[in-house]
Amino acid sequence: MSYPVLPQRVFNSPLVEFANFADGSHVNLIRLTKPYANGISFAVHETTRSAFASNGMFVSYDKAKLKFDWMVVAGKLESKLINQGKIE
């Protein structure tokens, strides 16, 4: 399975929401510290084994949150959800 490759700036940005699974996989919603000129300000990074899962970059929090929620649902099909939370 091939995932879109996220740029390094995603991994140097703050976490907004997270979900961790029993098999060691995760789904993270990240707010970019330095948004792109085209408006991309959020990213979803996931490592689940779901066939429906993929990383993504988004302009709005609402679209990123929708993707995050879908990836958590897809991850639950593969492994038990251990914890999920929001970072204020």
PDB file of N, CA and C in Angstrom:
ATOM      1  N   MET A   1       0.853  -1.164   0.000  1.00  0.00           N
ATOM      2  CA  MET A   1       0.000   0.000   0.000  1.00  0.00           C
ATOM      3  C   MET A   1       0.903   1.232   0.000  1.00  0.00           C
ATOM      4  N   SER A   2       0.598   2.197  -0.838  1.00  0.00           N
ATOM      5  CA  SER A   2       1.412   3.395  -0.965  1.00  0.00           C
ATOM      6  C   SER A   2       0.683   4.606  -0.390  1.00  0.00           C
ATOM      7  N   TYR A   3       1.314   5.286   0.544  1.00  0.00           N
ATOM      8  CA  TYR A   3       0.733   6.468   1.174  1.00  0.00           C
ATOM      9  C   TYR A   3       1.312   7.725   0.559  1.00  0.00           C
ATOM     10  N   PRO A   4       0.517   8.802   0.493  1.00  0.00           N
ATOM     11  CA  PRO A   4       1.117  10.082   0.112  1.00  0.00           C
ATOM     12  C   PRO A   4       2.207  10.429   1.131  1.00  0.00           C
ATOM     13  N   VAL A   5       3.332  10.902   0.660  1.00  0.00           N
ATOM     14  CA  VAL A   5       4.438  11.253   1.543  1.00  0.00           C
ATOM     15  C   VAL A   5       4.199  12.667   2.079  1.00  0.00           C
ATOM     16  N   LEU A   6       4.206  12.799   3.395  1.00  0.00           N
ATOM     17  CA  LEU A   6       4.017  14.108   4.021  1.00  0.00           C
ATOM     18  C   LEU A   6       5.362  14.805   4.156  1.00  0.00           C
ATOM     19  N   PRO A   7       5.409  16.108   3.938  1.00  0.00           N
ATOM     20  CA  PRO A   7       6.670  16.838   4.065  1.00  0.00           C
ATOM     21  C   PRO A   7       7.137  16.913   5.519  1.00  0.00           C
ATOM     22  N   GLN A   8       8.413  17.148   5.715  1.00  0.00           N
ATOM     23  CA  GLN A   8       9.006  17.176   7.052  1.00  0.00           C
ATOM     24  C   GLN A   8       8.368  18.223   7.957  1.00  0.00           C
ATOM     25  N   ARG A   9       7.911  19.335   7.400  1.00  0.00           N
ATOM     26  CA  ARG A   9       7.320  20.384   8.240  1.00  0.00           C
ATOM     27  C   ARG A   9       6.097  19.887   9.009  1.00  0.00           C
ATOM     28  N   VAL A  10       5.442  18.864   8.511  1.00  0.00           N
ATOM     29  CA  VAL A  10       4.298  18.282   9.223  1.00  0.00           C
ATOM     30  C   VAL A  10       4.755  17.719  10.560  1.00  0.00           C
ATOM     31  N   PHE A  11       5.884  17.046  10.582  1.00  0.00           N
ATOM     32  CA  PHE A  11       6.358  16.373  11.785  1.00  0.00           C
ATOM     33  C   PHE A  11       7.049  17.319  12.770  1.00  0.00           C
ATOM     34  N   ASN A  12       7.222  18.575  12.372  1.00  0.00           N
ATOM     35  CA  ASN A  12       7.761  19.595  13.266  1.00  0.00           C
ATOM     36  C   ASN A  12       6.672  20.547  13.743  1.00  0.00           C
ATOM     37  N   SER A  13       5.426  20.164  13.557  1.00  0.00           N
ATOM     38  CA  SER A  13       4.275  20.995  13.896  1.00  0.00           C
ATOM     39  C   SER A  13       3.496  20.360  15.042  1.00  0.00           C
ATOM     40  N   PRO A  14       2.660  21.164  15.729  1.00  0.00           N
ATOM     41  CA  PRO A  14       1.951  20.659  16.915  1.00  0.00           C
ATOM     42  C   PRO A  14       0.794  19.710  16.587  1.00  0.00           C
ATOM     43  N   LEU A  15       0.648  18.752  17.457  1.00  0.00           N
ATOM     44  CA  LEU A  15      -0.425  17.779  17.386  1.00  0.00           C
ATOM     45  C   LEU A  15      -1.708  18.414  17.903  1.00  0.00           C
ATOM     46  N   VAL A  16      -2.825  18.184  17.215  1.00  0.00           N
ATOM     47  CA  VAL A  16      -4.127  18.707  17.632  1.00  0.00           C
ATOM     48  C   VAL A  16      -4.976  17.594  18.242  1.00  0.00           C
ATOM     49  N   GLU A  17      -5.020  16.437  17.552  1.00  0.00           N
ATOM     50  CA  GLU A  17      -5.759  15.275  18.044  1.00  0.00           C
ATOM     51  C   GLU A  17      -4.974  14.012  17.734  1.00  0.00           C
ATOM     52  N   PHE A  18      -5.243  12.961  18.513  1.00  0.00           N
ATOM     53  CA  PHE A  18      -4.529  11.703  18.324  1.00  0.00           C
ATOM     54  C   PHE A  18      -5.447  10.523  18.631  1.00  0.00           C
ATOM     55  N   ALA A  19      -5.109   9.383  18.063  1.00  0.00           N
ATOM     56  CA  ALA A  19      -5.761   8.116  18.380  1.00  0.00           C
ATOM     57  C   ALA A  19      -4.686   7.034  18.297  1.00  0.00           C
ATOM     58  N   ASN A  20      -4.582   6.220  19.338  1.00  0.00           N
ATOM     59  CA  ASN A  20      -3.586   5.150  19.394  1.00  0.00           C
ATOM     60  C   ASN A  20      -4.287   3.801  19.473  1.00  0.00           C
ATOM     61  N   PHE A  21      -3.732   2.815  18.767  1.00  0.00           N
ATOM     62  CA  PHE A  21      -4.340   1.498  18.683  1.00  0.00           C
ATOM     63  C   PHE A  21      -3.447   0.438  19.325  1.00  0.00           C
ATOM     64  N   ALA A  22      -4.046  -0.688  19.675  1.00  0.00           N
ATOM     65  CA  ALA A  22      -3.351  -1.767  20.379  1.00  0.00           C
ATOM     66  C   ALA A  22      -2.188  -2.350  19.578  1.00  0.00           C
ATOM     67  N   ASP A  23      -2.266  -2.313  18.257  1.00  0.00           N
ATOM     68  CA  ASP A  23      -1.181  -2.879  17.444  1.00  0.00           C
ATOM     69  C   ASP A  23      -0.007  -1.924  17.253  1.00  0.00           C
ATOM     70  N   GLY A  24      -0.047  -0.773  17.926  1.00  0.00           N
ATOM     71  CA  GLY A  24       1.046   0.197  17.846  1.00  0.00           C
ATOM     72  C   GLY A  24       0.845   1.257  16.778  1.00  0.00           C
ATOM     73  N   SER A  25      -0.216   1.168  16.018  1.00  0.00           N
ATOM     74  CA  SER A  25      -0.479   2.174  14.988  1.00  0.00           C
ATOM     75  C   SER A  25      -1.165   3.394  15.591  1.00  0.00           C
ATOM     76  N   HIS A  26      -1.236   4.469  14.806  1.00  0.00           N
ATOM     77  CA  HIS A  26      -1.843   5.709  15.302  1.00  0.00           C
ATOM     78  C   HIS A  26      -2.441   6.513  14.149  1.00  0.00           C
ATOM     79  N   VAL A  27      -3.272   7.469  14.524  1.00  0.00           N
ATOM     80  CA  VAL A  27      -3.782   8.490  13.605  1.00  0.00           C
ATOM     81  C   VAL A  27      -3.581   9.815  14.310  1.00  0.00           C
ATOM     82  N   ASN A  28      -2.931  10.776  13.641  1.00  0.00           N
ATOM     83  CA  ASN A  28      -2.670  12.091  14.223  1.00  0.00           C
ATOM     84  C   ASN A  28      -3.219  13.190  13.331  1.00  0.00           C
ATOM     85  N   LEU A  29      -3.835  14.177  13.952  1.00  0.00           N
ATOM     86  CA  LEU A  29      -4.268  15.396  13.266  1.00  0.00           C
ATOM     87  C   LEU A  29      -3.302  16.488  13.703  1.00  0.00           C
ATOM     88  N   ILE A  30      -2.660  17.132  12.738  1.00  0.00           N
ATOM     89  CA  ILE A  30      -1.572  18.075  13.006  1.00  0.00           C
ATOM     90  C   ILE A  30      -1.891  19.431  12.387  1.00  0.00           C
ATOM     91  N   ARG A  31      -1.640  20.501  13.160  1.00  0.00           N
ATOM     92  CA  ARG A  31      -1.781  21.869  12.640  1.00  0.00           C
ATOM     93  C   ARG A  31      -0.391  22.349  12.239  1.00  0.00           C
ATOM     94  N   LEU A  32      -0.227  22.725  10.982  1.00  0.00           N
ATOM     95  CA  LEU A  32       1.083  23.158  10.500  1.00  0.00           C
ATOM     96  C   LEU A  32       1.487  24.487  11.123  1.00  0.00           C
ATOM     97  N   THR A  33       2.703  24.559  11.622  1.00  0.00           N
ATOM     98  CA  THR A  33       3.235  25.788  12.194  1.00  0.00           C
ATOM     99  C   THR A  33       3.384  26.851  11.114  1.00  0.00           C
ATOM    100  N   LYS A  34       3.851  26.422   9.948  1.00  0.00           N
ATOM    101  CA  LYS A  34       4.014  27.323   8.799  1.00  0.00           C
ATOM    102  C   LYS A  34       3.120  26.827   7.667  1.00  0.00           C
ATOM    103  N   PRO A  35       1.889  27.363   7.577  1.00  0.00           N
ATOM    104  CA  PRO A  35       0.986  26.926   6.501  1.00  0.00           C
ATOM    105  C   PRO A  35       1.554  27.254   5.120  1.00  0.00           C
ATOM    106  N   TYR A  36       1.114  26.505   4.133  1.00  0.00           N
ATOM    107  CA  TYR A  36       1.525  26.750   2.758  1.00  0.00           C
ATOM    108  C   TYR A  36       0.805  27.967   2.191  1.00  0.00           C
ATOM    109  N   ALA A  37       1.376  28.576   1.162  1.00  0.00           N
ATOM    110  CA  ALA A  37       0.779  29.750   0.517  1.00  0.00           C
ATOM    111  C   ALA A  37      -0.596  29.423  -0.075  1.00  0.00           C
ATOM    112  N   ASN A  38      -0.822  28.166  -0.461  1.00  0.00           N
ATOM    113  CA  ASN A  38      -2.115  27.777  -1.025  1.00  0.00           C
ATOM    114  C   ASN A  38      -3.180  27.505   0.037  1.00  0.00           C
ATOM    115  N   GLY A  39      -2.843  27.741   1.307  1.00  0.00           N
ATOM    116  CA  GLY A  39      -3.815  27.615   2.386  1.00  0.00           C
ATOM    117  C   GLY A  39      -3.767  26.324   3.160  1.00  0.00           C
ATOM    118  N   ILE A  40      -2.979  25.352   2.729  1.00  0.00           N
ATOM    119  CA  ILE A  40      -2.905  24.083   3.459  1.00  0.00           C
ATOM    120  C   ILE A  40      -2.327  24.339   4.838  1.00  0.00           C
ATOM    121  N   SER A  41      -3.143  24.009   5.860  1.00  0.00           N
ATOM    122  CA  SER A  41      -2.764  24.306   7.240  1.00  0.00           C
ATOM    123  C   SER A  41      -2.828  23.100   8.171  1.00  0.00           C
ATOM    124  N   PHE A  42      -3.400  21.983   7.705  1.00  0.00           N
ATOM    125  CA  PHE A  42      -3.576  20.805   8.549  1.00  0.00           C
ATOM    126  C   PHE A  42      -3.151  19.547   7.805  1.00  0.00           C
ATOM    127  N   ALA A  43      -2.729  18.546   8.568  1.00  0.00           N
ATOM    128  CA  ALA A  43      -2.345  17.265   7.985  1.00  0.00           C
ATOM    129  C   ALA A  43      -2.880  16.139   8.862  1.00  0.00           C
ATOM    130  N   VAL A  44      -3.150  15.010   8.236  1.00  0.00           N
ATOM    131  CA  VAL A  44      -3.517  13.794   8.953  1.00  0.00           C
ATOM    132  C   VAL A  44      -2.460  12.750   8.610  1.00  0.00           C
ATOM    133  N   HIS A  45      -1.816  12.232   9.655  1.00  0.00           N
ATOM    134  CA  HIS A  45      -0.792  11.201   9.488  1.00  0.00           C
ATOM    135  C   HIS A  45      -1.299   9.946  10.178  1.00  0.00           C
ATOM    136  N   GLU A  46      -1.289   8.838   9.459  1.00  0.00           N
ATOM    137  CA  GLU A  46      -1.771   7.599  10.056  1.00  0.00           C
ATOM    138  C   GLU A  46      -0.881   6.435   9.669  1.00  0.00           C
ATOM    139  N   THR A  47      -0.844   5.432  10.558  1.00  0.00           N
ATOM    140  CA  THR A  47      -0.015   4.253  10.327  1.00  0.00           C
ATOM    141  C   THR A  47      -0.810   2.962  10.460  1.00  0.00           C
ATOM    142  N   THR A  48      -2.135   3.035  10.400  1.00  0.00           N
ATOM    143  CA  THR A  48      -2.957   1.835  10.554  1.00  0.00           C
ATOM    144  C   THR A  48      -2.793   0.902   9.359  1.00  0.00           C
ATOM    145  N   ARG A  49      -3.258  -0.302   9.513  1.00  0.00           N
ATOM    146  CA  ARG A  49      -3.154  -1.298   8.453  1.00  0.00           C
ATOM    147  C   ARG A  49      -4.417  -1.373   7.602  1.00  0.00           C
ATOM    148  N   SER A  50      -5.319  -0.449   7.788  1.00  0.00           N
ATOM    149  CA  SER A  50      -6.573  -0.449   7.045  1.00  0.00           C
ATOM    150  C   SER A  50      -6.336  -0.172   5.563  1.00  0.00           C
ATOM    151  N   ALA A  51      -7.049  -0.881   4.725  1.00  0.00           N
ATOM    152  CA  ALA A  51      -6.947  -0.667   3.279  1.00  0.00           C
ATOM    153  C   ALA A  51      -7.560   0.667   2.869  1.00  0.00           C
ATOM    154  N   PHE A  52      -8.390   1.242   3.713  1.00  0.00           N
ATOM    155  CA  PHE A  52      -9.065   2.505   3.421  1.00  0.00           C
ATOM    156  C   PHE A  52      -8.275   3.717   3.898  1.00  0.00           C
ATOM    157  N   ALA A  53      -7.156   3.505   4.549  1.00  0.00           N
ATOM    158  CA  ALA A  53      -6.425   4.580   5.206  1.00  0.00           C
ATOM    159  C   ALA A  53      -5.397   5.232   4.296  1.00  0.00           C
ATOM    160  N   SER A  54      -5.174   6.528   4.537  1.00  0.00           N
ATOM    161  CA  SER A  54      -4.115   7.255   3.835  1.00  0.00           C
ATOM    162  C   SER A  54      -3.850   8.571   4.549  1.00  0.00           C
ATOM    163  N   ASN A  55      -2.671   9.120   4.329  1.00  0.00           N
ATOM    164  CA  ASN A  55      -2.321  10.428   4.859  1.00  0.00           C
ATOM    165  C   ASN A  55      -2.993  11.499   4.007  1.00  0.00           C
ATOM    166  N   GLY A  56      -3.015  12.724   4.516  1.00  0.00           N
ATOM    167  CA  GLY A  56      -3.584  13.798   3.715  1.00  0.00           C
ATOM    168  C   GLY A  56      -3.257  15.166   4.275  1.00  0.00           C
ATOM    169  N   MET A  57      -3.379  16.187   3.418  1.00  0.00           N
ATOM    170  CA  MET A  57      -3.150  17.581   3.823  1.00  0.00           C
ATOM    171  C   MET A  57      -4.384  18.391   3.441  1.00  0.00           C
ATOM    172  N   PHE A  58      -4.765  19.346   4.317  1.00  0.00           N
ATOM    173  CA  PHE A  58      -6.045  20.026   4.186  1.00  0.00           C
ATOM    174  C   PHE A  58      -5.943  21.516   4.461  1.00  0.00           C
ATOM    175  N   VAL A  59      -6.865  22.254   3.842  1.00  0.00           N
ATOM    176  CA  VAL A  59      -6.926  23.708   4.015  1.00  0.00           C
ATOM    177  C   VAL A  59      -7.640  24.066   5.317  1.00  0.00           C
ATOM    178  N   SER A  60      -8.701  23.344   5.655  1.00  0.00           N
ATOM    179  CA  SER A  60      -9.497  23.706   6.837  1.00  0.00           C
ATOM    180  C   SER A  60      -9.457  22.612   7.901  1.00  0.00           C
ATOM    181  N   TYR A  61      -9.673  23.033   9.129  1.00  0.00           N
ATOM    182  CA  TYR A  61      -9.739  22.097  10.247  1.00  0.00           C
ATOM    183  C   TYR A  61     -10.902  21.129  10.057  1.00  0.00           C
ATOM    184  N   ASP A  62     -12.039  21.630   9.567  1.00  0.00           N
ATOM    185  CA  ASP A  62     -13.220  20.793   9.399  1.00  0.00           C
ATOM    186  C   ASP A  62     -12.956  19.620   8.455  1.00  0.00           C
ATOM    187  N   LYS A  63     -12.287  19.876   7.348  1.00  0.00           N
ATOM    188  CA  LYS A  63     -11.979  18.802   6.394  1.00  0.00           C
ATOM    189  C   LYS A  63     -10.954  17.836   6.979  1.00  0.00           C
ATOM    190  N   ALA A  64      -9.965  18.363   7.684  1.00  0.00           N
ATOM    191  CA  ALA A  64      -8.962  17.508   8.317  1.00  0.00           C
ATOM    192  C   ALA A  64      -9.600  16.653   9.410  1.00  0.00           C
ATOM    193  N   LYS A  65     -10.505  17.234  10.168  1.00  0.00           N
ATOM    194  CA  LYS A  65     -11.193  16.511  11.246  1.00  0.00           C
ATOM    195  C   LYS A  65     -12.048  15.383  10.673  1.00  0.00           C
ATOM    196  N   LEU A  66     -12.722  15.652   9.563  1.00  0.00           N
ATOM    197  CA  LEU A  66     -13.524  14.624   8.911  1.00  0.00           C
ATOM    198  C   LEU A  66     -12.651  13.448   8.486  1.00  0.00           C
ATOM    199  N   LYS A  67     -11.496  13.732   7.885  1.00  0.00           N
ATOM    200  CA  LYS A  67     -10.546  12.685   7.477  1.00  0.00           C
ATOM    201  C   LYS A  67     -10.027  11.929   8.706  1.00  0.00           C
ATOM    202  N   PHE A  68      -9.670  12.667   9.756  1.00  0.00           N
ATOM    203  CA  PHE A  68      -9.178  12.060  10.994  1.00  0.00           C
ATOM    204  C   PHE A  68     -10.212  11.076  11.540  1.00  0.00           C
ATOM    205  N   ASP A  69     -11.467  11.523  11.635  1.00  0.00           N
ATOM    206  CA  ASP A  69     -12.524  10.662  12.171  1.00  0.00           C
ATOM    207  C   ASP A  69     -12.710   9.402  11.330  1.00  0.00           C
ATOM    208  N   TRP A  70     -12.651   9.537  10.007  1.00  0.00           N
ATOM    209  CA  TRP A  70     -12.783   8.367   9.135  1.00  0.00           C
ATOM    210  C   TRP A  70     -11.604   7.415   9.309  1.00  0.00           C
ATOM    211  N   MET A  71     -10.416   7.953   9.485  1.00  0.00           N
ATOM    212  CA  MET A  71      -9.244   7.095   9.664  1.00  0.00           C
ATOM    213  C   MET A  71      -9.300   6.363  11.004  1.00  0.00           C
ATOM    214  N   VAL A  72      -9.875   6.987  12.026  1.00  0.00           N
ATOM    215  CA  VAL A  72     -10.037   6.319  13.319  1.00  0.00           C
ATOM    216  C   VAL A  72     -11.028   5.168  13.171  1.00  0.00           C
ATOM    217  N   VAL A  73     -12.128   5.405  12.481  1.00  0.00           N
ATOM    218  CA  VAL A  73     -13.112   4.338  12.244  1.00  0.00           C
ATOM    219  C   VAL A  73     -12.460   3.187  11.473  1.00  0.00           C
ATOM    220  N   ALA A  74     -11.709   3.500  10.424  1.00  0.00           N
ATOM    221  CA  ALA A  74     -11.029   2.469   9.639  1.00  0.00           C
ATOM    222  C   ALA A  74      -9.999   1.726  10.491  1.00  0.00           C
ATOM    223  N   GLY A  75      -9.291   2.446  11.353  1.00  0.00           N
ATOM    224  CA  GLY A  75      -8.306   1.821  12.236  1.00  0.00           C
ATOM    225  C   GLY A  75      -8.938   0.867  13.231  1.00  0.00           C
ATOM    226  N   LYS A  76     -10.155   1.201  13.695  1.00  0.00           N
ATOM    227  CA  LYS A  76     -10.860   0.339  14.649  1.00  0.00           C
ATOM    228  C   LYS A  76     -11.242  -1.000  14.028  1.00  0.00           C
ATOM    229  N   LEU A  77     -11.341  -1.043  12.711  1.00  0.00           N
ATOM    230  CA  LEU A  77     -11.652  -2.305  12.042  1.00  0.00           C
ATOM    231  C   LEU A  77     -10.474  -3.270  12.080  1.00  0.00           C
ATOM    232  N   GLU A  78      -9.263  -2.729  12.248  1.00  0.00           N
ATOM    233  CA  GLU A  78      -8.039  -3.533  12.242  1.00  0.00           C
ATOM    234  C   GLU A  78      -7.494  -3.826  13.634  1.00  0.00           C
ATOM    235  N   SER A  79      -7.725  -2.915  14.593  1.00  0.00           N
ATOM    236  CA  SER A  79      -7.137  -3.055  15.922  1.00  0.00           C
ATOM    237  C   SER A  79      -7.979  -2.291  16.949  1.00  0.00           C
ATOM    238  N   LYS A  80      -7.855  -2.683  18.194  1.00  0.00           N
ATOM    239  CA  LYS A  80      -8.605  -2.040  19.271  1.00  0.00           C
ATOM    240  C   LYS A  80      -8.043  -0.643  19.550  1.00  0.00           C
ATOM    241  N   LEU A  81      -8.936   0.333  19.695  1.00  0.00           N
ATOM    242  CA  LEU A  81      -8.544   1.698  20.044  1.00  0.00           C
ATOM    243  C   LEU A  81      -8.165   1.737  21.521  1.00  0.00           C
ATOM    244  N   ILE A  82      -6.938   2.184  21.819  1.00  0.00           N
ATOM    245  CA  ILE A  82      -6.470   2.267  23.204  1.00  0.00           C
ATOM    246  C   ILE A  82      -6.853   3.602  23.816  1.00  0.00           C
ATOM    247  N   ASN A  83      -6.512   4.689  23.124  1.00  0.00           N
ATOM    248  CA  ASN A  83      -6.880   6.009  23.623  1.00  0.00           C
ATOM    249  C   ASN A  83      -6.994   6.994  22.472  1.00  0.00           C
ATOM    250  N   GLN A  84      -7.803   8.005  22.729  1.00  0.00           N
ATOM    251  CA  GLN A  84      -8.022   9.056  21.737  1.00  0.00           C
ATOM    252  C   GLN A  84      -8.190  10.350  22.514  1.00  0.00           C
ATOM    253  N   GLY A  85      -7.638  11.444  21.992  1.00  0.00           N
ATOM    254  CA  GLY A  85      -7.766  12.693  22.703  1.00  0.00           C
ATOM    255  C   GLY A  85      -7.485  13.907  21.842  1.00  0.00           C
ATOM    256  N   LYS A  86      -7.700  15.041  22.478  1.00  0.00           N
ATOM    257  CA  LYS A  86      -7.499  16.337  21.834  1.00  0.00           C
ATOM    258  C   LYS A  86      -6.517  17.125  22.684  1.00  0.00           C
ATOM    259  N   ILE A  87      -5.570  17.775  22.036  1.00  0.00           N
ATOM    260  CA  ILE A  87      -4.579  18.584  22.727  1.00  0.00           C
ATOM    261  C   ILE A  87      -5.059  20.040  22.648  1.00  0.00           C
ATOM    262  N   GLU A  88      -5.236  20.644  23.778  1.00  0.00           N
ATOM    263  CA  GLU A  88      -5.718  22.046  23.800  1.00  0.00           C
ATOM    264  C   GLU A  88      -4.574  23.012  23.719  1.00  0.00           C
TER     265      GLU A  88
END
